[in-house]
Amino acid sequence: MLVLALFTGSVSLMMLASLRGYMDPWSVAELDGHPAWRLRLGPTRFLTVAVALVLVATALGIGLGALSIAEQSAVGGVIVGALALGFLLLAEEMGRVAARAPALLIGIDRLRHEGAGIEVELAWDDVSFIDYVHRRSRWASVRIGAARDATTHRARKRFSLLPLDHVPEEPGIEVRLTLLQDPAAIMRLLRDLHIGDRPTREALIPRGTPDLPIR
């Protein structure tokens, strides 16, 4: 009954959290000591935590089932127990995503992609183009390409059990379209900031978050 109550409560929390998924993904931040924009990538942290709780409750329920099955069949208990462990590992991964709070930081001098499993940095001066890539794949993304021999490009990858982030084959930043509420509007904004150069970014970014539609 306790596991059932936990599962029901966590699912209800997840449903309530999903209503907050339409919150403005933009917030103000700081990068290199200057004002910056922070664009949240994916659902809110609240929703991610709620999903993790659902997975934990599911793992506990399956784990109790594994103990019961083990009394009749040791092999069956091990198999079901392994399934419970899998759900716990998924919950741990979701907890990491919530703690990491994936985002794209847009600063006056550079950009930084803080993914769940990667961190990529690139200065605006080394940006060569901004366009869509892999249109027909599950990694369809907005790509901020780095110029050849870009000295400011930095990429670090973190171990993850799930393919949460895509590391581009070529230097640059790639943000999946599924993590963006309005990819077309965001790409236009990035292009304007790139073409306008530093004076445009100095004029726009300190004013506050961009006024883009929220879906």
Protein backbone atom coordinates (compact mmCIF):
# COMPACT_ATOMS: atom_id res chain seq x y z
CA MET A 1 0.00 0.00 0.00
CA LEU A 2 2.89 2.35 0.77
CA VAL A 3 4.46 1.72 -2.63
CA LEU A 4 1.09 2.16 -4.33
CA ALA A 5 0.55 5.47 -2.52
CA LEU A 6 4.04 6.64 -3.51
CA PHE A 7 3.47 5.67 -7.13
CA THR A 8 0.05 7.34 -7.30
CA GLY A 9 1.34 10.47 -5.61
CA SER A 10 4.39 10.73 -7.86
CA VAL A 11 2.30 10.28 -11.01
CA SER A 12 -0.06 13.00 -9.82
CA LEU A 13 2.92 15.24 -9.14
CA MET A 14 4.26 14.54 -12.63
CA MET A 15 0.90 15.49 -14.18
CA LEU A 16 0.82 18.73 -12.21
CA ALA A 17 4.44 19.44 -13.12
CA SER A 18 3.69 18.96 -16.81
CA LEU A 19 1.43 22.01 -16.62
CA ARG A 20 4.50 24.06 -15.71
CA GLY A 21 6.28 22.95 -18.87
CA TYR A 22 4.90 26.04 -20.61
CA MET A 23 6.76 28.45 -18.35
CA ASP A 24 9.05 30.94 -20.05
CA PRO A 25 12.30 29.05 -20.75
CA TRP A 26 14.30 32.30 -20.72
CA SER A 27 15.99 33.78 -17.67
CA VAL A 28 18.78 36.24 -16.97
CA ALA A 29 22.25 34.98 -16.08
CA GLU A 30 25.87 36.05 -16.11
CA LEU A 31 28.73 34.87 -18.30
CA ASP A 32 32.30 36.17 -18.12
CA GLY A 33 31.16 38.92 -15.76
CA HIS A 34 28.62 40.27 -18.26
CA PRO A 35 24.84 39.90 -18.51
CA ALA A 36 23.69 36.82 -20.43
CA TRP A 37 20.55 34.94 -21.40
CA ARG A 38 19.86 31.46 -20.12
CA LEU A 39 17.62 29.32 -22.33
CA ARG A 40 16.28 26.23 -20.57
CA LEU A 41 16.56 23.12 -22.72
CA GLY A 42 13.78 20.59 -22.25
CA PRO A 43 11.17 20.40 -19.48
CA THR A 44 11.31 22.25 -16.20
CA ARG A 45 13.40 20.85 -13.34
CA PHE A 46 10.20 20.25 -11.36
CA LEU A 47 8.88 17.92 -14.07
CA THR A 48 12.18 16.05 -14.33
CA VAL A 49 12.21 15.43 -10.56
CA ALA A 50 8.60 14.22 -10.73
CA VAL A 51 9.52 11.70 -13.44
CA ALA A 52 12.42 10.49 -11.30
CA LEU A 53 10.03 9.93 -8.38
CA VAL A 54 7.70 7.90 -10.61
CA LEU A 55 10.65 5.71 -11.64
CA VAL A 56 11.70 5.24 -8.02
CA ALA A 57 8.19 4.22 -7.01
CA THR A 58 8.03 1.80 -9.95
CA ALA A 59 11.40 0.32 -8.98
CA LEU A 60 10.26 -0.20 -5.37
CA GLY A 61 7.09 -1.94 -6.51
CA ILE A 62 8.98 -4.23 -8.89
CA GLY A 63 11.61 -4.86 -6.21
CA LEU A 64 8.96 -6.06 -3.75
CA GLY A 65 7.56 -8.24 -6.50
CA ALA A 66 11.02 -9.67 -7.08
CA LEU A 67 11.26 -10.69 -3.42
CA SER A 68 7.93 -12.44 -3.65
CA ILE A 69 8.87 -14.24 -6.87
CA ALA A 70 12.23 -15.25 -5.42
CA GLU A 71 10.43 -17.39 -2.86
CA GLN A 72 9.11 -19.52 -5.71
CA SER A 73 11.91 -19.16 -8.26
CA ALA A 74 15.39 -17.79 -7.60
CA VAL A 75 16.01 -17.20 -11.32
CA GLY A 76 12.73 -15.35 -11.73
CA GLY A 77 13.50 -13.23 -8.70
CA VAL A 78 16.88 -12.27 -10.12
CA ILE A 79 15.38 -11.33 -13.48
CA VAL A 80 12.66 -9.17 -11.94
CA GLY A 81 15.18 -7.70 -9.50
CA ALA A 82 17.40 -6.71 -12.44
CA LEU A 83 14.39 -4.94 -13.95
CA ALA A 84 13.89 -3.02 -10.70
CA LEU A 85 17.57 -2.05 -10.73
CA GLY A 86 17.15 -0.77 -14.28
CA PHE A 87 14.35 1.55 -13.19
CA LEU A 88 16.49 2.82 -10.32
CA LEU A 89 19.31 3.59 -12.74
CA LEU A 90 16.88 5.49 -14.96
CA ALA A 91 15.71 7.43 -11.91
CA GLU A 92 19.32 8.28 -11.09
CA GLU A 93 19.86 9.55 -14.63
CA MET A 94 16.77 11.74 -14.40
CA GLY A 95 18.05 13.07 -11.10
CA ARG A 96 21.31 14.02 -12.82
CA VAL A 97 19.37 15.84 -15.52
CA ALA A 98 17.43 17.76 -12.88
CA ALA A 99 20.61 18.67 -11.03
CA ARG A 100 22.37 19.71 -14.23
CA ALA A 101 19.44 21.83 -15.50
CA PRO A 102 20.41 21.73 -19.22
CA ALA A 103 20.59 25.19 -20.79
CA LEU A 104 22.12 27.31 -23.52
CA LEU A 105 23.89 30.37 -22.14
CA ILE A 106 24.03 33.23 -24.62
CA GLY A 107 26.54 35.85 -23.60
CA ILE A 108 27.99 38.96 -25.15
CA ASP A 109 31.31 37.31 -26.02
CA ARG A 110 30.55 33.60 -26.12
CA LEU A 111 28.00 30.79 -25.89
CA ARG A 112 27.95 27.80 -23.57
CA HIS A 113 25.85 24.67 -23.95
CA GLU A 114 25.35 22.98 -20.58
CA GLY A 115 23.81 19.65 -21.48
CA ALA A 116 23.00 16.74 -19.20
CA GLY A 117 26.05 14.88 -20.44
CA ILE A 118 28.20 17.50 -22.17
CA GLU A 119 29.44 21.05 -21.87
CA VAL A 120 30.48 22.99 -24.97
CA GLU A 121 31.81 26.55 -25.22
CA LEU A 122 32.38 28.74 -28.26
CA ALA A 123 33.15 32.43 -28.66
CA TRP A 124 30.97 34.47 -31.02
CA ASP A 125 34.06 35.50 -32.96
CA ASP A 126 34.62 31.84 -33.88
CA VAL A 127 31.05 31.15 -35.04
CA SER A 128 30.99 30.42 -38.77
CA PHE A 129 27.28 29.67 -39.39
CA ILE A 130 23.96 28.92 -37.68
CA ASP A 131 21.64 26.44 -39.40
CA TYR A 132 19.68 23.19 -39.10
CA VAL A 133 21.46 19.84 -39.33
CA HIS A 134 20.36 16.20 -39.56
CA ARG A 135 16.83 17.19 -40.50
CA ARG A 136 15.64 13.60 -40.96
CA SER A 137 17.32 12.04 -37.94
CA ARG A 138 16.40 11.90 -34.27
CA TRP A 139 19.30 14.28 -33.65
CA ALA A 140 17.79 17.05 -35.77
CA SER A 141 19.33 20.16 -34.25
CA VAL A 142 20.10 23.83 -34.49
CA ARG A 143 23.82 23.94 -35.14
CA ILE A 144 26.16 26.76 -34.23
CA GLY A 145 29.19 25.88 -36.31
CA ALA A 146 32.73 26.73 -35.28
CA ALA A 147 35.18 28.23 -37.74
CA ARG A 148 38.13 26.13 -38.84
CA ASP A 149 40.86 26.02 -36.19
CA ALA A 150 38.64 27.83 -33.69
CA THR A 151 40.74 28.34 -30.56
CA THR A 152 37.81 29.08 -28.25
CA HIS A 153 35.93 25.83 -28.86
CA ARG A 154 35.87 23.63 -25.76
CA ALA A 155 33.92 20.39 -25.42
CA ARG A 156 33.68 18.15 -22.37
CA LYS A 157 31.61 15.00 -22.14
CA ARG A 158 30.26 13.36 -19.00
CA PHE A 159 29.49 9.67 -18.63
CA SER A 160 25.81 8.88 -19.02
CA LEU A 161 23.84 5.64 -19.26
CA LEU A 162 21.44 7.27 -21.69
CA PRO A 163 22.18 9.04 -24.99
CA LEU A 164 21.02 12.37 -23.57
CA ASP A 165 23.26 14.60 -25.64
CA HIS A 166 24.74 14.44 -29.09
CA VAL A 167 28.41 15.30 -29.46
CA PRO A 168 28.87 16.87 -32.92
CA GLU A 169 31.42 15.25 -35.21
CA GLU A 170 32.67 18.70 -36.19
CA PRO A 171 33.47 21.53 -33.74
CA GLY A 172 30.45 23.56 -32.71
CA ILE A 173 27.29 23.47 -30.63
CA GLU A 174 24.22 21.40 -31.50
CA VAL A 175 20.94 21.72 -29.63
CA ARG A 176 18.23 19.21 -30.46
CA LEU A 177 15.01 20.65 -31.87
CA THR A 178 12.95 18.63 -29.37
CA LEU A 179 14.55 20.62 -26.53
CA LEU A 180 13.48 23.97 -28.00
CA GLN A 181 9.98 25.42 -27.80
CA ASP A 182 10.34 27.42 -31.03
CA PRO A 183 13.49 26.39 -32.94
CA ALA A 184 12.85 28.73 -35.87
CA ALA A 185 12.51 31.82 -33.67
CA ILE A 186 15.57 30.89 -31.63
CA MET A 187 17.65 30.32 -34.75
CA ARG A 188 16.61 33.73 -36.12
CA LEU A 189 17.58 35.33 -32.83
CA LEU A 190 20.98 33.64 -32.82
CA ARG A 191 21.60 34.71 -36.40
CA ASP A 192 20.70 38.31 -35.58
CA LEU A 193 23.10 38.28 -32.64
CA HIS A 194 25.83 36.81 -34.83
CA ILE A 195 25.36 39.16 -37.77
CA GLY A 196 24.90 42.22 -35.55
CA ASP A 197 28.25 41.52 -33.89
CA ARG A 198 29.23 42.62 -30.38
CA PRO A 199 27.51 46.07 -30.37
CA THR A 200 24.15 44.42 -31.06
CA ARG A 201 24.65 41.88 -28.26
CA GLU A 202 25.75 44.61 -25.86
CA ALA A 203 22.58 46.55 -26.67
CA LEU A 204 20.09 43.65 -26.48
CA ILE A 205 21.21 41.19 -23.82
CA PRO A 206 21.40 43.58 -20.81
CA ARG A 207 17.81 44.73 -21.46
CA GLY A 208 16.33 41.46 -20.19
CA THR A 209 15.13 38.22 -21.70
CA PRO A 210 14.04 38.16 -25.36
CA ASP A 211 10.35 38.54 -26.09
CA LEU A 212 9.62 35.27 -27.90
CA PRO A 213 6.32 33.35 -27.94
CA ILE A 214 5.85 30.62 -25.30
CA ARG A 215 4.21 27.42 -26.48
